[in-house]
Amino acid sequence: EGEASSRKVAADGTPEEMATGRLNGGAEKVSVSANPSYCFV
């Protein structure tokens, strides 16, 4: 558990870069069972 990580995925599905993602402004921790539908700006 911890802050969510994110991959910017290219059109072919290959990761381009790593970034940090948060669901609730850093207040909420993301568990192993986190819904993969969540995205972030």
PDB file of all heavy atoms in Angstrom:
ATOM      1  N   GLU A   1       0.825  -1.192   0.000  1.00  0.00           N
ATOM      2  CA  GLU A   1       0.000   0.000   0.000  1.00  0.00           C
ATOM      3  C   GLU A   1       0.863   1.245   0.000  1.00  0.00           C
ATOM      4  O   GLU A   1       1.940   1.274   0.574  1.00  0.00           O
ATOM      5  CB  GLU A   1      -0.915   0.024   1.227  1.00  0.00           C
ATOM      6  CG  GLU A   1      -1.994  -0.999   1.226  1.00  0.00           C
ATOM      7  CD  GLU A   1      -3.006  -0.789   2.331  1.00  0.00           C
ATOM      8  OE1 GLU A   1      -2.853   0.172   3.084  1.00  0.00           O
ATOM      9  OE2 GLU A   1      -3.938  -1.574   2.416  1.00  0.00           O
ATOM     10  N   GLY A   2       0.415   2.278  -0.664  1.00  0.00           N
ATOM     11  CA  GLY A   2       1.156   3.520  -0.733  1.00  0.00           C
ATOM     12  C   GLY A   2       0.578   4.402  -1.799  1.00  0.00           C
ATOM     13  O   GLY A   2      -0.502   4.137  -2.323  1.00  0.00           O
ATOM     14  N   GLU A   3       1.237   5.464  -2.129  1.00  0.00           N
ATOM     15  CA  GLU A   3       0.752   6.288  -3.218  1.00  0.00           C
ATOM     16  C   GLU A   3       0.736   5.489  -4.500  1.00  0.00           C
ATOM     17  O   GLU A   3       1.618   4.692  -4.771  1.00  0.00           O
ATOM     18  CB  GLU A   3       1.632   7.526  -3.387  1.00  0.00           C
ATOM     19  CG  GLU A   3       1.346   8.634  -2.414  1.00  0.00           C
ATOM     20  CD  GLU A   3       1.951   9.929  -2.854  1.00  0.00           C
ATOM     21  OE1 GLU A   3       2.868   9.901  -3.680  1.00  0.00           O
ATOM     22  OE2 GLU A   3       1.499  10.977  -2.391  1.00  0.00           O
ATOM     23  N   ALA A   4      -0.287   5.698  -5.281  1.00  0.00           N
ATOM     24  CA  ALA A   4      -0.386   4.963  -6.529  1.00  0.00           C
ATOM     25  C   ALA A   4       0.700   5.401  -7.488  1.00  0.00           C
ATOM     26  O   ALA A   4       1.069   6.564  -7.546  1.00  0.00           O
ATOM     27  CB  ALA A   4      -1.757   5.200  -7.152  1.00  0.00           C
ATOM     28  N   SER A   5       1.235   4.480  -8.248  1.00  0.00           N
ATOM     29  CA  SER A   5       2.136   4.816  -9.336  1.00  0.00           C
ATOM     30  C   SER A   5       1.386   4.685 -10.639  1.00  0.00           C
ATOM     31  O   SER A   5       0.356   4.030 -10.707  1.00  0.00           O
ATOM     32  CB  SER A   5       3.352   3.892  -9.340  1.00  0.00           C
ATOM     33  OG  SER A   5       2.939   2.558  -9.526  1.00  0.00           O
ATOM     34  N   SER A   6       1.894   5.301 -11.643  1.00  0.00           N
ATOM     35  CA  SER A   6       1.209   5.280 -12.925  1.00  0.00           C
ATOM     36  C   SER A   6       2.196   5.146 -14.060  1.00  0.00           C
ATOM     37  O   SER A   6       3.326   5.641 -13.986  1.00  0.00           O
ATOM     38  CB  SER A   6       0.380   6.538 -13.125  1.00  0.00           C
ATOM     39  OG  SER A   6      -0.155   6.577 -14.422  1.00  0.00           O
ATOM     40  N   ARG A   7       1.764   4.493 -15.106  1.00  0.00           N
ATOM     41  CA  ARG A   7       2.535   4.430 -16.339  1.00  0.00           C
ATOM     42  C   ARG A   7       1.793   5.156 -17.444  1.00  0.00           C
ATOM     43  O   ARG A   7       0.596   4.947 -17.628  1.00  0.00           O
ATOM     44  CB  ARG A   7       2.779   2.973 -16.758  1.00  0.00           C
ATOM     45  CG  ARG A   7       3.657   2.187 -15.815  1.00  0.00           C
ATOM     46  CD  ARG A   7       3.919   0.805 -16.361  1.00  0.00           C
ATOM     47  NE  ARG A   7       2.692   0.052 -16.523  1.00  0.00           N
ATOM     48  CZ  ARG A   7       2.637  -1.153 -17.079  1.00  0.00           C
ATOM     49  NH1 ARG A   7       3.726  -1.731 -17.539  1.00  0.00           N
ATOM     50  NH2 ARG A   7       1.483  -1.774 -17.183  1.00  0.00           N
ATOM     51  N   LYS A   8       2.508   6.012 -18.130  1.00  0.00           N
ATOM     52  CA  LYS A   8       1.963   6.586 -19.343  1.00  0.00           C
ATOM     53  C   LYS A   8       2.123   5.557 -20.442  1.00  0.00           C
ATOM     54  O   LYS A   8       3.240   5.161 -20.777  1.00  0.00           O
ATOM     55  CB  LYS A   8       2.705   7.872 -19.698  1.00  0.00           C
ATOM     56  CG  LYS A   8       2.147   8.603 -20.896  1.00  0.00           C
ATOM     57  CD  LYS A   8       2.969   9.849 -21.156  1.00  0.00           C
ATOM     58  CE  LYS A   8       2.468  10.585 -22.376  1.00  0.00           C
ATOM     59  NZ  LYS A   8       3.307  11.770 -22.662  1.00  0.00           N
ATOM     60  N   VAL A   9       1.024   5.085 -20.995  1.00  0.00           N
ATOM     61  CA  VAL A   9       1.053   3.974 -21.932  1.00  0.00           C
ATOM     62  C   VAL A   9       0.872   4.486 -23.356  1.00  0.00           C
ATOM     63  O   VAL A   9      -0.043   5.259 -23.637  1.00  0.00           O
ATOM     64  CB  VAL A   9      -0.042   2.947 -21.597  1.00  0.00           C
ATOM     65  CG1 VAL A   9       0.007   1.794 -22.576  1.00  0.00           C
ATOM     66  CG2 VAL A   9       0.125   2.448 -20.173  1.00  0.00           C
ATOM     67  N   ALA A  10       1.779   4.086 -24.216  1.00  0.00           N
ATOM     68  CA  ALA A  10       1.690   4.466 -25.617  1.00  0.00           C
ATOM     69  C   ALA A  10       0.580   3.680 -26.307  1.00  0.00           C
ATOM     70  O   ALA A  10      -0.007   2.752 -25.742  1.00  0.00           O
ATOM     71  CB  ALA A  10       3.024   4.213 -26.308  1.00  0.00           C
ATOM     72  N   ALA A  11       0.316   4.036 -27.557  1.00  0.00           N
ATOM     73  CA  ALA A  11      -0.765   3.391 -28.298  1.00  0.00           C
ATOM     74  C   ALA A  11      -0.537   1.894 -28.459  1.00  0.00           C
ATOM     75  O   ALA A  11      -1.492   1.118 -28.526  1.00  0.00           O
ATOM     76  CB  ALA A  11      -0.918   4.060 -29.662  1.00  0.00           C
ATOM     77  N   ASP A  12       0.731   1.460 -28.505  1.00  0.00           N
ATOM     78  CA  ASP A  12       1.022   0.040 -28.651  1.00  0.00           C
ATOM     79  C   ASP A  12       1.071  -0.692 -27.321  1.00  0.00           C
ATOM     80  O   ASP A  12       1.402  -1.875 -27.276  1.00  0.00           O
ATOM     81  CB  ASP A  12       2.350  -0.156 -29.402  1.00  0.00           C
ATOM     82  CG  ASP A  12       3.543   0.476 -28.667  1.00  0.00           C
ATOM     83  OD1 ASP A  12       3.333   1.070 -27.587  1.00  0.00           O
ATOM     84  OD2 ASP A  12       4.662   0.365 -29.180  1.00  0.00           O
ATOM     85  N   GLY A  13       0.755   0.033 -26.227  1.00  0.00           N
ATOM     86  CA  GLY A  13       0.728  -0.610 -24.924  1.00  0.00           C
ATOM     87  C   GLY A  13       2.034  -0.614 -24.175  1.00  0.00           C
ATOM     88  O   GLY A  13       2.120  -1.157 -23.069  1.00  0.00           O
ATOM     89  N   THR A  14       3.085   0.003 -24.716  1.00  0.00           N
ATOM     90  CA  THR A  14       4.374   0.012 -24.049  1.00  0.00           C
ATOM     91  C   THR A  14       4.476   1.215 -23.116  1.00  0.00           C
ATOM     92  O   THR A  14       4.040   2.307 -23.455  1.00  0.00           O
ATOM     93  CB  THR A  14       5.526   0.074 -25.060  1.00  0.00           C
ATOM     94  OG1 THR A  14       5.374   1.198 -25.891  1.00  0.00           O
ATOM     95  CG2 THR A  14       5.536  -1.127 -25.908  1.00  0.00           C
ATOM     96  N   PRO A  15       5.034   1.023 -21.922  1.00  0.00           N
ATOM     97  CA  PRO A  15       5.175   2.134 -20.990  1.00  0.00           C
ATOM     98  C   PRO A  15       6.146   3.188 -21.518  1.00  0.00           C
ATOM     99  O   PRO A  15       7.197   2.852 -22.043  1.00  0.00           O
ATOM    100  CB  PRO A  15       5.723   1.470 -19.722  1.00  0.00           C
ATOM    101  CG  PRO A  15       5.644   0.044 -19.924  1.00  0.00           C
ATOM    102  CD  PRO A  15       5.545  -0.245 -21.373  1.00  0.00           C
ATOM    103  N   GLU A  16       5.801   4.452 -21.381  1.00  0.00           N
ATOM    104  CA  GLU A  16       6.676   5.524 -21.812  1.00  0.00           C
ATOM    105  C   GLU A  16       7.387   6.202 -20.653  1.00  0.00           C
ATOM    106  O   GLU A  16       8.541   6.575 -20.761  1.00  0.00           O
ATOM    107  CB  GLU A  16       5.878   6.570 -22.592  1.00  0.00           C
ATOM    108  CG  GLU A  16       5.357   6.058 -23.931  1.00  0.00           C
ATOM    109  CD  GLU A  16       4.661   7.143 -24.707  1.00  0.00           C
ATOM    110  OE1 GLU A  16       4.323   8.150 -24.150  1.00  0.00           O
ATOM    111  OE2 GLU A  16       4.441   6.994 -25.885  1.00  0.00           O
ATOM    112  N   GLU A  17       6.708   6.382 -19.543  1.00  0.00           N
ATOM    113  CA  GLU A  17       7.330   7.040 -18.418  1.00  0.00           C
ATOM    114  C   GLU A  17       6.563   6.715 -17.150  1.00  0.00           C
ATOM    115  O   GLU A  17       5.438   6.241 -17.182  1.00  0.00           O
ATOM    116  CB  GLU A  17       7.384   8.560 -18.630  1.00  0.00           C
ATOM    117  CG  GLU A  17       6.010   9.208 -18.722  1.00  0.00           C
ATOM    118  CD  GLU A  17       6.079  10.687 -19.031  1.00  0.00           C
ATOM    119  OE1 GLU A  17       7.028  11.096 -19.688  1.00  0.00           O
ATOM    120  OE2 GLU A  17       5.167  11.421 -18.621  1.00  0.00           O
ATOM    121  N   MET A  18       7.176   6.981 -16.002  1.00  0.00           N
ATOM    122  CA  MET A  18       6.548   6.780 -14.713  1.00  0.00           C
ATOM    123  C   MET A  18       6.118   8.122 -14.154  1.00  0.00           C
ATOM    124  O   MET A  18       6.730   9.147 -14.385  1.00  0.00           O
ATOM    125  CB  MET A  18       7.505   6.099 -13.742  1.00  0.00           C
ATOM    126  CG  MET A  18       7.983   4.739 -14.203  1.00  0.00           C
ATOM    127  SD  MET A  18       6.657   3.505 -14.333  1.00  0.00           S
ATOM    128  CE  MET A  18       6.189   3.344 -12.605  1.00  0.00           C
ATOM    129  N   ALA A  19       5.033   8.117 -13.427  1.00  0.00           N
ATOM    130  CA  ALA A  19       4.550   9.336 -12.787  1.00  0.00           C
ATOM    131  C   ALA A  19       3.868   8.969 -11.487  1.00  0.00           C
ATOM    132  O   ALA A  19       3.671   7.792 -11.180  1.00  0.00           O
ATOM    133  CB  ALA A  19       3.594  10.099 -13.705  1.00  0.00           C
ATOM    134  N   THR A  20       3.515   9.922 -10.704  1.00  0.00           N
ATOM    135  CA  THR A  20       2.844   9.693  -9.434  1.00  0.00           C
ATOM    136  C   THR A  20       1.378  10.029  -9.555  1.00  0.00           C
ATOM    137  O   THR A  20       1.010  11.085 -10.053  1.00  0.00           O
ATOM    138  CB  THR A  20       3.480  10.527  -8.319  1.00  0.00           C
ATOM    139  OG1 THR A  20       4.839  10.157  -8.203  1.00  0.00           O
ATOM    140  CG2 THR A  20       2.776  10.296  -6.999  1.00  0.00           C
ATOM    141  N   GLY A  21       0.530   9.146  -9.071  1.00  0.00           N
ATOM    142  CA  GLY A  21      -0.898   9.369  -9.122  1.00  0.00           C
ATOM    143  C   GLY A  21      -1.527   9.284  -7.745  1.00  0.00           C
ATOM    144  O   GLY A  21      -1.130   8.478  -6.923  1.00  0.00           O
ATOM    145  N   ARG A  22      -2.536  10.132  -7.489  1.00  0.00           N
ATOM    146  CA  ARG A  22      -3.229  10.143  -6.225  1.00  0.00           C
ATOM    147  C   ARG A  22      -4.719  10.153  -6.481  1.00  0.00           C
ATOM    148  O   ARG A  22      -5.206  10.835  -7.384  1.00  0.00           O
ATOM    149  CB  ARG A  22      -2.845  11.373  -5.393  1.00  0.00           C
ATOM    150  CG  ARG A  22      -1.369  11.425  -5.042  1.00  0.00           C
ATOM    151  CD  ARG A  22      -0.994  12.769  -4.464  1.00  0.00           C
ATOM    152  NE  ARG A  22      -1.165  13.825  -5.448  1.00  0.00           N
ATOM    153  CZ  ARG A  22      -0.960  15.119  -5.185  1.00  0.00           C
ATOM    154  NH1 ARG A  22      -0.589  15.493  -3.992  1.00  0.00           N
ATOM    155  NH2 ARG A  22      -1.122  16.004  -6.127  1.00  0.00           N
ATOM    156  N   LEU A  23      -5.464   9.425  -5.651  1.00  0.00           N
ATOM    157  CA  LEU A  23      -6.908   9.410  -5.785  1.00  0.00           C
ATOM    158  C   LEU A  23      -7.549  10.604  -5.100  1.00  0.00           C
ATOM    159  O   LEU A  23      -8.467  11.207  -5.613  1.00  0.00           O
ATOM    160  CB  LEU A  23      -7.484   8.116  -5.213  1.00  0.00           C
ATOM    161  CG  LEU A  23      -7.211   6.851  -6.015  1.00  0.00           C
ATOM    162  CD1 LEU A  23      -7.895   5.676  -5.362  1.00  0.00           C
ATOM    163  CD2 LEU A  23      -7.688   6.993  -7.445  1.00  0.00           C
ATOM    164  N   ASN A  24      -7.077  10.963  -3.955  1.00  0.00           N
ATOM    165  CA  ASN A  24      -7.713  12.009  -3.175  1.00  0.00           C
ATOM    166  C   ASN A  24      -6.726  13.033  -2.659  1.00  0.00           C
ATOM    167  O   ASN A  24      -6.610  13.266  -1.466  1.00  0.00           O
ATOM    168  CB  ASN A  24      -8.484  11.403  -1.996  1.00  0.00           C
ATOM    169  CG  ASN A  24      -9.561  10.454  -2.430  1.00  0.00           C
ATOM    170  OD1 ASN A  24     -10.357  10.795  -3.270  1.00  0.00           O
ATOM    171  ND2 ASN A  24      -9.571   9.259  -1.870  1.00  0.00           N
ATOM    172  N   GLY A  25      -5.955  13.598  -3.567  1.00  0.00           N
ATOM    173  CA  GLY A  25      -5.013  14.604  -3.152  1.00  0.00           C
ATOM    174  C   GLY A  25      -3.977  14.106  -2.174  1.00  0.00           C
ATOM    175  O   GLY A  25      -3.434  14.874  -1.378  1.00  0.00           O
ATOM    176  N   GLY A  26      -3.648  12.821  -2.225  1.00  0.00           N
ATOM    177  CA  GLY A  26      -2.648  12.244  -1.352  1.00  0.00           C
ATOM    178  C   GLY A  26      -3.205  11.747  -0.046  1.00  0.00           C
ATOM    179  O   GLY A  26      -2.511  11.115   0.740  1.00  0.00           O
ATOM    180  N   ALA A  27      -4.496  12.010   0.219  1.00  0.00           N
ATOM    181  CA  ALA A  27      -5.084  11.613   1.492  1.00  0.00           C
ATOM    182  C   ALA A  27      -5.388  10.129   1.544  1.00  0.00           C
ATOM    183  O   ALA A  27      -5.341   9.505   2.595  1.00  0.00           O
ATOM    184  CB  ALA A  27      -6.351  12.412   1.764  1.00  0.00           C
ATOM    185  N   GLU A  28      -5.748   9.561   0.429  1.00  0.00           N
ATOM    186  CA  GLU A  28      -6.142   8.163   0.404  1.00  0.00           C
ATOM    187  C   GLU A  28      -5.002   7.281  -0.098  1.00  0.00           C
ATOM    188  O   GLU A  28      -4.388   7.554  -1.130  1.00  0.00           O
ATOM    189  CB  GLU A  28      -7.363   7.974  -0.506  1.00  0.00           C
ATOM    190  CG  GLU A  28      -7.832   6.523  -0.604  1.00  0.00           C
ATOM    191  CD  GLU A  28      -9.069   6.384  -1.460  1.00  0.00           C
ATOM    192  OE1 GLU A  28      -9.871   7.305  -1.465  1.00  0.00           O
ATOM    193  OE2 GLU A  28      -9.238   5.369  -2.106  1.00  0.00           O
ATOM    194  N   LYS A  29      -4.709   6.217   0.609  1.00  0.00           N
ATOM    195  CA  LYS A  29      -3.748   5.225   0.177  1.00  0.00           C
ATOM    196  C   LYS A  29      -4.420   4.232  -0.758  1.00  0.00           C
ATOM    197  O   LYS A  29      -5.585   3.894  -0.601  1.00  0.00           O
ATOM    198  CB  LYS A  29      -3.153   4.490   1.380  1.00  0.00           C
ATOM    199  CG  LYS A  29      -2.388   5.389   2.340  1.00  0.00           C
ATOM    200  CD  LYS A  29      -1.168   5.996   1.679  1.00  0.00           C
ATOM    201  CE  LYS A  29      -0.356   6.817   2.669  1.00  0.00           C
ATOM    202  NZ  LYS A  29       0.843   7.396   2.043  1.00  0.00           N
ATOM    203  N   VAL A  30      -3.704   3.777  -1.722  1.00  0.00           N
ATOM    204  CA  VAL A  30      -4.232   2.855  -2.720  1.00  0.00           C
ATOM    205  C   VAL A  30      -3.757   1.447  -2.396  1.00  0.00           C
ATOM    206  O   VAL A  30      -2.562   1.190  -2.315  1.00  0.00           O
ATOM    207  CB  VAL A  30      -3.777   3.265  -4.136  1.00  0.00           C
ATOM    208  CG1 VAL A  30      -4.363   2.328  -5.160  1.00  0.00           C
ATOM    209  CG2 VAL A  30      -4.188   4.702  -4.416  1.00  0.00           C
ATOM    210  N   SER A  31      -4.669   0.540  -2.213  1.00  0.00           N
ATOM    211  CA  SER A  31      -4.330  -0.821  -1.830  1.00  0.00           C
ATOM    212  C   SER A  31      -4.081  -1.683  -3.055  1.00  0.00           C
ATOM    213  O   SER A  31      -4.284  -1.259  -4.193  1.00  0.00           O
ATOM    214  CB  SER A  31      -5.454  -1.422  -0.985  1.00  0.00           C
ATOM    215  OG  SER A  31      -6.622  -1.591  -1.767  1.00  0.00           O
ATOM    216  N   VAL A  32      -3.690  -2.935  -2.783  1.00  0.00           N
ATOM    217  CA  VAL A  32      -3.420  -3.882  -3.864  1.00  0.00           C
ATOM    218  C   VAL A  32      -4.660  -4.123  -4.701  1.00  0.00           C
ATOM    219  O   VAL A  32      -4.594  -4.402  -5.898  1.00  0.00           O
ATOM    220  CB  VAL A  32      -2.880  -5.207  -3.291  1.00  0.00           C
ATOM    221  CG1 VAL A  32      -2.674  -6.217  -4.372  1.00  0.00           C
ATOM    222  CG2 VAL A  32      -1.587  -4.980  -2.538  1.00  0.00           C
ATOM    223  N   SER A  33      -5.801  -3.999  -4.081  1.00  0.00           N
ATOM    224  CA  SER A  33      -7.057  -4.252  -4.780  1.00  0.00           C
ATOM    225  C   SER A  33      -7.652  -2.996  -5.407  1.00  0.00           C
ATOM    226  O   SER A  33      -8.823  -2.953  -5.716  1.00  0.00           O
ATOM    227  CB  SER A  33      -8.077  -4.865  -3.815  1.00  0.00           C
ATOM    228  OG  SER A  33      -8.331  -3.979  -2.730  1.00  0.00           O
ATOM    229  N   ALA A  34      -6.825  -1.970  -5.538  1.00  0.00           N
ATOM    230  CA  ALA A  34      -7.326  -0.722  -6.104  1.00  0.00           C
ATOM    231  C   ALA A  34      -7.940  -0.943  -7.480  1.00  0.00           C
ATOM    232  O   ALA A  34      -7.454  -1.739  -8.282  1.00  0.00           O
ATOM    233  CB  ALA A  34      -6.197   0.297  -6.215  1.00  0.00           C
ATOM    234  N   ASN A  35      -9.048  -0.215  -7.724  1.00  0.00           N
ATOM    235  CA  ASN A  35      -9.738  -0.337  -9.002  1.00  0.00           C
ATOM    236  C   ASN A  35      -8.853   0.203 -10.122  1.00  0.00           C
ATOM    237  O   ASN A  35      -8.443   1.361 -10.088  1.00  0.00           O
ATOM    238  CB  ASN A  35     -11.053   0.441  -8.942  1.00  0.00           C
ATOM    239  CG  ASN A  35     -11.960   0.153 -10.116  1.00  0.00           C
ATOM    240  OD1 ASN A  35     -11.523   0.097 -11.253  1.00  0.00           O
ATOM    241  ND2 ASN A  35     -13.242  -0.042  -9.838  1.00  0.00           N
ATOM    242  N   PRO A  36      -8.548  -0.627 -11.109  1.00  0.00           N
ATOM    243  CA  PRO A  36      -7.660  -0.172 -12.189  1.00  0.00           C
ATOM    244  C   PRO A  36      -8.276   0.885 -13.091  1.00  0.00           C
ATOM    245  O   PRO A  36      -7.610   1.413 -13.963  1.00  0.00           O
ATOM    246  CB  PRO A  36      -7.383  -1.461 -12.969  1.00  0.00           C
ATOM    247  CG  PRO A  36      -8.582  -2.319 -12.710  1.00  0.00           C
ATOM    248  CD  PRO A  36      -8.990  -2.019 -11.305  1.00  0.00           C
ATOM    249  N   SER A  37      -9.568   1.216 -12.882  1.00  0.00           N
ATOM    250  CA  SER A  37     -10.216   2.215 -13.708  1.00  0.00           C
ATOM    251  C   SER A  37      -9.812   3.634 -13.350  1.00  0.00           C
ATOM    252  O   SER A  37     -10.024   4.550 -14.129  1.00  0.00           O
ATOM    253  CB  SER A  37     -11.745   2.074 -13.601  1.00  0.00           C
ATOM    254  OG  SER A  37     -12.176   0.829 -14.103  1.00  0.00           O
ATOM    255  N   TYR A  38      -9.275   3.833 -12.152  1.00  0.00           N
ATOM    256  CA  TYR A  38      -8.938   5.177 -11.718  1.00  0.00           C
ATOM    257  C   TYR A  38      -7.752   5.746 -12.496  1.00  0.00           C
ATOM    258  O   TYR A  38      -6.736   5.074 -12.685  1.00  0.00           O
ATOM    259  CB  TYR A  38      -8.640   5.217 -10.224  1.00  0.00           C
ATOM    260  CG  TYR A  38      -9.878   5.148  -9.365  1.00  0.00           C
ATOM    261  CD1 TYR A  38     -10.213   3.990  -8.668  1.00  0.00           C
ATOM    262  CD2 TYR A  38     -10.730   6.240  -9.260  1.00  0.00           C
ATOM    263  CE1 TYR A  38     -11.346   3.924  -7.885  1.00  0.00           C
ATOM    264  CE2 TYR A  38     -11.871   6.187  -8.474  1.00  0.00           C
ATOM    265  CZ  TYR A  38     -12.174   5.029  -7.797  1.00  0.00           C
ATOM    266  OH  TYR A  38     -13.308   4.971  -7.029  1.00  0.00           O
ATOM    267  N   CYS A  39      -7.891   7.007 -12.897  1.00  0.00           N
ATOM    268  CA  CYS A  39      -6.836   7.717 -13.616  1.00  0.00           C
ATOM    269  C   CYS A  39      -6.604   9.069 -12.945  1.00  0.00           C
ATOM    270  O   CYS A  39      -7.344   9.467 -12.046  1.00  0.00           O
ATOM    271  CB  CYS A  39      -7.220   7.925 -15.077  1.00  0.00           C
ATOM    272  SG  CYS A  39      -7.587   6.401 -15.977  1.00  0.00           S
ATOM    273  N   PHE A  40      -5.591   9.768 -13.379  1.00  0.00           N
ATOM    274  CA  PHE A  40      -5.296  11.059 -12.790  1.00  0.00           C
ATOM    275  C   PHE A  40      -4.654  11.978 -13.814  1.00  0.00           C
ATOM    276  O   PHE A  40      -4.117  11.541 -14.827  1.00  0.00           O
ATOM    277  CB  PHE A  40      -4.393  10.912 -11.555  1.00  0.00           C
ATOM    278  CG  PHE A  40      -2.964  10.540 -11.894  1.00  0.00           C
ATOM    279  CD1 PHE A  40      -1.968  11.487 -11.942  1.00  0.00           C
ATOM    280  CD2 PHE A  40      -2.631   9.219 -12.164  1.00  0.00           C
ATOM    281  CE1 PHE A  40      -0.656  11.136 -12.253  1.00  0.00           C
ATOM    282  CE2 PHE A  40      -1.323   8.858 -12.475  1.00  0.00           C
ATOM    283  CZ  PHE A  40      -0.329   9.827 -12.516  1.00  0.00           C
ATOM    284  N   VAL A  41      -4.737  13.278 -13.535  1.00  0.00           N
ATOM    285  CA  VAL A  41      -4.079  14.299 -14.344  1.00  0.00           C
ATOM    286  C   VAL A  41      -2.727  14.585 -13.704  1.00  0.00           C
ATOM    287  O   VAL A  41      -2.672  14.925 -12.523  1.00  0.00           O
ATOM    288  CB  VAL A  41      -4.918  15.586 -14.422  1.00  0.00           C
ATOM    289  CG1 VAL A  41      -4.234  16.619 -15.313  1.00  0.00           C
ATOM    290  CG2 VAL A  41      -6.325  15.274 -14.915  1.00  0.00           C
TER     291      VAL A  41
END
